[in-house]
N, C-alpha and C. Protein backbone atom coordinates (compact mmCIF):
# COMPACT_ATOMS: atom_id res chain seq x y z
N MET A 1 33.42 -60.05 73.05
CA MET A 1 32.86 -59.79 71.82
C MET A 1 32.81 -61.19 70.90
N THR A 2 33.48 -62.01 71.25
CA THR A 2 33.69 -63.07 70.64
C THR A 2 32.72 -64.09 71.04
N GLU A 3 31.82 -64.80 70.14
CA GLU A 3 30.85 -65.65 70.61
C GLU A 3 31.38 -66.99 70.42
N LYS A 4 31.13 -67.92 71.38
CA LYS A 4 31.69 -69.36 71.26
C LYS A 4 30.58 -70.23 70.55
N GLU A 5 30.87 -70.81 69.45
CA GLU A 5 30.09 -71.64 68.67
C GLU A 5 30.45 -73.08 68.97
N SER A 6 29.51 -73.87 69.19
CA SER A 6 29.93 -75.34 69.33
C SER A 6 29.86 -76.03 68.01
N HIS A 7 30.78 -76.99 67.87
CA HIS A 7 30.97 -77.57 66.58
C HIS A 7 30.83 -78.94 66.79
N PRO A 8 29.83 -79.63 66.11
CA PRO A 8 29.76 -80.97 66.23
C PRO A 8 30.91 -81.79 65.53
N ALA A 9 30.60 -83.03 65.36
CA ALA A 9 31.82 -83.94 64.75
C ALA A 9 32.16 -83.60 63.33
N ASP A 10 31.26 -83.09 62.64
CA ASP A 10 31.66 -82.84 61.25
C ASP A 10 32.22 -81.32 60.93
N GLY A 11 32.38 -80.63 62.03
CA GLY A 11 32.97 -79.34 62.06
C GLY A 11 32.24 -78.19 61.71
N ALA A 12 30.95 -78.42 61.22
CA ALA A 12 29.96 -77.27 60.91
C ALA A 12 29.42 -76.59 62.04
N PRO A 13 29.14 -75.30 62.06
CA PRO A 13 28.35 -74.73 63.28
C PRO A 13 26.92 -75.33 63.26
N GLU A 14 26.37 -75.33 64.38
CA GLU A 14 25.04 -75.85 64.66
C GLU A 14 23.97 -75.14 63.78
N SER A 15 24.17 -73.90 63.62
CA SER A 15 23.16 -73.01 62.85
C SER A 15 23.07 -73.39 61.47
N PHE A 16 24.19 -73.93 60.77
CA PHE A 16 24.35 -74.33 59.36
C PHE A 16 23.61 -75.77 59.25
N GLN A 17 23.63 -76.38 60.24
CA GLN A 17 23.13 -77.87 60.17
C GLN A 17 21.60 -77.81 60.12
N ASP A 18 20.79 -76.73 60.60
CA ASP A 18 19.46 -76.61 60.52
C ASP A 18 19.03 -76.18 59.19
N TRP A 19 19.75 -75.60 58.37
CA TRP A 19 19.33 -75.07 56.99
C TRP A 19 18.82 -76.15 56.15
N PRO A 20 19.28 -77.27 55.95
CA PRO A 20 18.62 -78.33 55.05
C PRO A 20 17.28 -78.75 55.54
N THR A 21 17.00 -78.85 56.96
CA THR A 21 15.78 -79.09 57.47
C THR A 21 14.84 -77.96 57.22
N LEU A 22 15.25 -76.75 57.47
CA LEU A 22 14.49 -75.49 57.18
C LEU A 22 13.99 -75.46 55.67
N VAL A 23 14.92 -75.71 54.89
CA VAL A 23 14.72 -75.68 53.30
C VAL A 23 13.76 -76.76 53.04
N SER A 24 13.85 -78.03 53.45
CA SER A 24 12.97 -79.07 53.09
C SER A 24 11.54 -78.87 53.68
N ARG A 25 11.46 -78.34 54.83
CA ARG A 25 10.22 -77.86 55.49
C ARG A 25 9.46 -76.81 54.53
N GLY A 26 10.32 -75.91 54.23
CA GLY A 26 9.87 -74.75 53.24
C GLY A 26 9.22 -75.37 51.94
N VAL A 27 10.01 -76.23 51.47
CA VAL A 27 9.59 -76.94 50.16
C VAL A 27 8.33 -77.69 50.42
N ASP A 28 8.32 -78.41 51.42
CA ASP A 28 7.12 -79.30 51.77
C ASP A 28 5.81 -78.35 51.92
N ASP A 29 6.14 -77.26 52.58
CA ASP A 29 4.85 -76.31 52.86
C ASP A 29 4.42 -75.70 51.60
N VAL A 30 5.23 -75.27 50.79
CA VAL A 30 5.01 -74.61 49.41
C VAL A 30 4.23 -75.62 48.54
N THR A 31 4.79 -76.98 48.59
CA THR A 31 4.10 -78.04 47.87
C THR A 31 2.79 -78.34 48.27
N ARG A 32 2.55 -78.42 49.65
CA ARG A 32 1.20 -78.59 50.21
C ARG A 32 0.26 -77.40 49.98
N ILE A 33 0.69 -76.14 49.86
CA ILE A 33 -0.07 -75.00 49.55
C ILE A 33 -0.47 -75.10 48.07
N LEU A 34 0.49 -75.36 47.30
CA LEU A 34 0.23 -75.43 45.72
C LEU A 34 -0.92 -76.61 45.44
N GLN A 35 -0.54 -77.63 46.15
CA GLN A 35 -1.53 -78.94 46.09
C GLN A 35 -3.05 -78.49 46.40
N SER A 36 -3.12 -77.77 47.51
CA SER A 36 -4.47 -77.31 48.05
C SER A 36 -5.03 -76.25 47.07
N GLU A 37 -4.34 -75.43 46.58
CA GLU A 37 -4.82 -74.38 45.62
C GLU A 37 -5.20 -75.04 44.29
N ALA A 38 -4.52 -75.98 43.93
CA ALA A 38 -4.95 -76.88 42.71
C ALA A 38 -6.24 -77.53 42.93
N ARG A 39 -6.34 -78.15 44.12
CA ARG A 39 -7.68 -78.85 44.37
C ARG A 39 -8.83 -77.77 44.43
N MET A 40 -8.61 -76.65 44.96
CA MET A 40 -9.63 -75.60 45.00
C MET A 40 -10.02 -75.08 43.76
N LEU A 41 -8.99 -74.94 42.84
CA LEU A 41 -9.44 -74.47 41.46
C LEU A 41 -9.93 -75.51 40.76
N GLN A 42 -9.82 -76.83 40.98
CA GLN A 42 -10.45 -77.80 40.33
C GLN A 42 -11.83 -77.98 40.55
N THR A 43 -11.99 -77.80 42.01
CA THR A 43 -13.33 -77.90 42.49
C THR A 43 -14.33 -76.67 41.91
N SER A 44 -13.67 -75.41 41.93
CA SER A 44 -14.42 -74.25 41.49
C SER A 44 -14.62 -74.40 40.02
N MET A 45 -13.68 -74.93 39.27
CA MET A 45 -13.94 -74.98 37.78
C MET A 45 -14.79 -76.06 37.50
N GLY A 46 -14.84 -77.21 38.37
CA GLY A 46 -15.80 -78.23 38.02
C GLY A 46 -17.14 -77.66 38.27
N ALA A 47 -17.52 -76.92 39.37
CA ALA A 47 -18.73 -76.26 39.72
C ALA A 47 -19.27 -75.28 38.62
N ALA A 48 -18.35 -74.56 38.09
CA ALA A 48 -18.62 -73.61 37.01
C ALA A 48 -19.03 -74.33 35.77
N LEU A 49 -18.21 -75.51 35.41
CA LEU A 49 -18.46 -76.18 34.17
C LEU A 49 -19.97 -76.81 34.35
N GLU A 50 -20.27 -77.40 35.53
CA GLU A 50 -21.53 -77.99 35.58
C GLU A 50 -22.66 -76.95 35.41
N THR A 51 -22.39 -75.93 36.07
CA THR A 51 -23.42 -74.79 35.84
C THR A 51 -23.64 -74.40 34.34
N LEU A 52 -22.53 -74.23 33.74
CA LEU A 52 -22.62 -73.92 32.39
C LEU A 52 -23.25 -74.94 31.40
N LEU A 53 -22.97 -76.17 31.79
CA LEU A 53 -23.55 -77.30 31.05
C LEU A 53 -24.99 -77.34 31.25
N ALA A 54 -25.42 -77.16 32.58
CA ALA A 54 -26.80 -77.16 32.77
C ALA A 54 -27.60 -75.99 32.09
N ASN A 55 -27.14 -74.93 32.14
CA ASN A 55 -27.53 -73.78 31.33
C ASN A 55 -27.57 -73.98 29.82
N ALA A 56 -26.57 -74.60 29.25
CA ALA A 56 -26.66 -74.91 27.79
C ALA A 56 -27.80 -75.97 27.57
N ILE A 57 -27.87 -76.99 28.28
CA ILE A 57 -28.94 -77.88 28.02
C ILE A 57 -30.28 -77.34 28.10
N ALA A 58 -30.53 -76.39 29.23
CA ALA A 58 -31.80 -75.84 29.17
C ALA A 58 -32.09 -74.92 27.99
N THR A 59 -31.06 -74.20 27.60
CA THR A 59 -31.21 -73.35 26.45
C THR A 59 -31.60 -74.15 25.15
N LEU A 60 -30.84 -75.22 25.03
CA LEU A 60 -31.09 -75.97 23.75
C LEU A 60 -32.47 -76.61 23.87
N THR A 61 -32.92 -77.03 25.12
CA THR A 61 -34.32 -77.52 25.18
C THR A 61 -35.31 -76.64 24.89
N VAL A 62 -35.10 -75.34 25.35
CA VAL A 62 -36.14 -74.18 24.96
C VAL A 62 -36.12 -73.91 23.46
N ILE A 63 -34.87 -73.87 22.78
CA ILE A 63 -34.84 -73.76 21.41
C ILE A 63 -35.53 -74.92 20.62
N ALA A 64 -35.41 -76.08 21.06
CA ALA A 64 -36.16 -77.16 20.38
C ALA A 64 -37.55 -77.06 20.56
N VAL A 65 -38.13 -76.79 21.77
CA VAL A 65 -39.54 -76.52 21.80
C VAL A 65 -40.06 -75.38 21.16
N MET A 66 -39.30 -74.36 20.95
CA MET A 66 -39.72 -73.16 19.95
C MET A 66 -39.67 -73.57 18.59
N ILE A 67 -38.72 -74.40 18.15
CA ILE A 67 -38.75 -74.89 16.69
C ILE A 67 -39.93 -75.68 16.43
N CYS A 68 -40.29 -76.51 17.42
CA CYS A 68 -41.54 -77.42 17.26
C CYS A 68 -42.71 -76.57 17.13
N GLY A 69 -42.81 -75.62 18.03
CA GLY A 69 -43.90 -74.75 17.78
C GLY A 69 -44.01 -73.91 16.66
N ALA A 70 -42.92 -73.44 16.05
CA ALA A 70 -42.91 -72.68 14.77
C ALA A 70 -43.28 -73.71 13.63
N VAL A 71 -42.84 -74.95 13.70
CA VAL A 71 -43.27 -75.84 12.68
C VAL A 71 -44.72 -76.12 12.71
N CYS A 72 -45.47 -76.21 13.94
CA CYS A 72 -46.67 -76.47 14.13
C CYS A 72 -47.53 -75.16 13.38
N MET A 73 -47.13 -73.97 13.72
CA MET A 73 -47.64 -72.78 13.19
C MET A 73 -47.56 -72.78 11.67
N VAL A 74 -46.44 -73.02 10.96
CA VAL A 74 -46.36 -73.11 9.65
C VAL A 74 -47.25 -74.13 9.09
N CYS A 75 -47.40 -75.40 9.67
CA CYS A 75 -48.38 -76.31 9.16
C CYS A 75 -49.79 -76.00 9.38
N ALA A 76 -50.13 -75.19 10.36
CA ALA A 76 -51.49 -74.67 10.49
C ALA A 76 -51.69 -73.58 9.56
N ALA A 77 -50.75 -72.73 9.10
CA ALA A 77 -50.96 -71.71 8.14
C ALA A 77 -51.11 -72.37 6.72
N ILE A 78 -50.32 -73.46 6.53
CA ILE A 78 -50.50 -74.03 5.24
C ILE A 78 -51.90 -74.94 5.04
N LEU A 79 -52.40 -75.33 6.16
CA LEU A 79 -53.72 -75.86 6.26
C LEU A 79 -54.81 -74.96 6.03
N LEU A 80 -54.62 -73.73 6.49
CA LEU A 80 -55.54 -72.68 6.44
C LEU A 80 -55.61 -72.14 4.96
N LEU A 81 -54.42 -72.10 4.34
CA LEU A 81 -54.33 -71.68 2.92
C LEU A 81 -54.97 -72.62 1.91
N HIS A 82 -54.93 -73.93 2.41
CA HIS A 82 -55.61 -74.97 1.71
C HIS A 82 -56.87 -74.98 1.54
N GLN A 83 -57.69 -74.10 2.34
CA GLN A 83 -59.05 -74.01 2.35
C GLN A 83 -59.35 -73.23 0.88
N TRP A 84 -58.49 -72.52 0.44
CA TRP A 84 -58.89 -71.62 -0.80
C TRP A 84 -57.87 -71.94 -1.94
N LEU A 85 -56.78 -72.61 -1.63
CA LEU A 85 -55.85 -72.94 -2.72
C LEU A 85 -55.49 -74.51 -2.76
N PRO A 86 -54.96 -74.97 -3.98
CA PRO A 86 -54.51 -76.50 -3.79
C PRO A 86 -53.35 -76.55 -2.79
N LEU A 87 -53.12 -77.72 -2.47
CA LEU A 87 -52.15 -78.10 -1.39
C LEU A 87 -50.64 -77.54 -1.91
N TRP A 88 -50.41 -77.86 -3.12
CA TRP A 88 -48.97 -77.55 -3.47
C TRP A 88 -48.95 -76.00 -3.52
N GLN A 89 -49.90 -75.18 -3.94
CA GLN A 89 -49.89 -73.71 -3.84
C GLN A 89 -49.66 -73.12 -2.33
N ALA A 90 -50.38 -73.81 -1.48
CA ALA A 90 -50.33 -73.47 0.00
C ALA A 90 -48.92 -73.62 0.53
N PHE A 91 -48.27 -74.84 0.06
CA PHE A 91 -46.88 -75.00 0.61
C PHE A 91 -46.09 -73.97 -0.01
N ALA A 92 -46.13 -73.70 -1.40
CA ALA A 92 -45.31 -72.71 -1.98
C ALA A 92 -45.46 -71.27 -1.47
N THR A 93 -46.70 -70.93 -1.20
CA THR A 93 -46.94 -69.61 -0.50
C THR A 93 -46.20 -69.44 0.85
N ALA A 94 -46.49 -70.59 1.53
CA ALA A 94 -45.71 -70.70 3.01
C ALA A 94 -44.16 -70.59 2.76
N GLY A 95 -43.71 -71.25 1.85
CA GLY A 95 -42.23 -71.36 1.71
C GLY A 95 -41.68 -69.95 1.21
N VAL A 96 -42.48 -69.30 0.39
CA VAL A 96 -42.01 -67.89 -0.06
C VAL A 96 -42.10 -66.93 1.01
N ALA A 97 -43.10 -66.93 1.91
CA ALA A 97 -43.28 -66.11 2.98
C ALA A 97 -42.12 -66.33 3.97
N ILE A 98 -41.87 -67.68 4.22
CA ILE A 98 -40.76 -67.90 5.24
C ILE A 98 -39.25 -67.37 4.59
N LEU A 99 -39.29 -67.53 3.26
CA LEU A 99 -37.91 -66.93 2.68
C LEU A 99 -37.93 -65.58 2.76
N LEU A 100 -38.92 -64.77 2.48
CA LEU A 100 -38.94 -63.39 2.56
C LEU A 100 -38.56 -62.83 3.94
N ILE A 101 -39.15 -63.71 5.02
CA ILE A 101 -38.99 -63.15 6.35
C ILE A 101 -37.48 -63.43 6.71
N GLY A 102 -37.03 -64.55 6.23
CA GLY A 102 -35.59 -64.79 6.63
C GLY A 102 -34.76 -63.76 5.88
N ILE A 103 -35.01 -63.41 4.54
CA ILE A 103 -34.20 -62.33 3.97
C ILE A 103 -34.27 -60.98 4.84
N ALA A 104 -35.55 -60.69 5.19
CA ALA A 104 -35.65 -59.50 6.02
C ALA A 104 -34.83 -59.46 7.31
N ILE A 105 -34.96 -60.52 7.97
CA ILE A 105 -34.14 -60.58 9.18
C ILE A 105 -32.60 -60.51 8.94
N ARG A 106 -32.18 -61.09 7.87
CA ARG A 106 -30.81 -61.03 7.61
C ARG A 106 -30.30 -59.66 7.25
N ALA A 107 -31.19 -58.94 6.57
CA ALA A 107 -30.89 -57.61 6.27
C ALA A 107 -30.97 -56.54 7.25
N LEU A 108 -31.84 -56.82 8.29
CA LEU A 108 -31.92 -56.12 9.58
C LEU A 108 -30.63 -56.32 10.48
N MET A 109 -30.15 -57.50 10.51
CA MET A 109 -29.04 -58.01 11.40
C MET A 109 -27.67 -57.56 10.73
N ARG A 110 -27.59 -57.20 9.50
CA ARG A 110 -26.37 -56.86 8.90
C ARG A 110 -26.05 -55.45 9.29
N PRO A 111 -24.72 -55.13 9.65
CA PRO A 111 -24.40 -53.81 10.18
C PRO A 111 -24.38 -52.83 8.92
N PRO A 112 -24.52 -51.58 9.12
CA PRO A 112 -24.65 -50.57 8.08
C PRO A 112 -23.34 -50.55 7.29
N ALA A 113 -23.31 -50.19 6.05
CA ALA A 113 -22.16 -50.13 5.30
C ALA A 113 -21.10 -49.14 5.89
N GLY A 114 -21.56 -48.00 6.22
CA GLY A 114 -20.72 -46.91 6.84
C GLY A 114 -19.83 -47.42 8.12
N LEU A 115 -20.38 -48.21 8.96
CA LEU A 115 -19.77 -48.77 10.14
C LEU A 115 -18.61 -49.72 9.84
N LYS A 116 -18.97 -50.55 8.71
CA LYS A 116 -17.87 -51.56 8.31
C LYS A 116 -16.53 -50.95 7.72
N SER A 117 -16.71 -49.87 6.84
CA SER A 117 -15.70 -49.09 6.14
C SER A 117 -14.92 -48.26 7.27
N ALA A 118 -15.53 -47.79 8.42
CA ALA A 118 -14.84 -46.86 9.45
C ALA A 118 -14.16 -47.78 10.28
N GLU A 119 -14.39 -49.17 10.45
CA GLU A 119 -13.72 -50.10 11.37
C GLU A 119 -12.38 -50.48 10.63
N SER A 120 -12.31 -50.51 9.15
CA SER A 120 -11.10 -50.92 8.51
C SER A 120 -10.06 -50.00 8.62
C-alpha cells in the first residue's frame, strides 16, 4: 500500500517539481488567449467604427444637399413674389412664412402636457 516516490537532490517529490512549470504554462496560455481576444475586439470595434463613420458622413452629405435644395426653393418663392411685390416685401413674406412653419413644427413635436405630468 505504500508507494515509493523518488526524491531528487533537493528532497522534493517529482510531482511537486512540475507544478511551477504547469502554472507558468497556464499563465502563458491565459495571457495568449486574452491577447488574441483583445485583438479580435479591437478588429471588430474598428470595423464597427468605420461603418458608423461612413454612415454619418453619408447622412451629413444628404442633409447638406437637402438644405441647399430648400434654400433654392425659398429663393425661387421670393423671386416669384417679387413679380407682384417689392423685393423687401417678398423677403419679409418668405421670412414670416418660414417662421410660422417653424413654430408649427415645434408645436407638433412637443409632447402633450398630460404625458409630461404623468411621467413626473
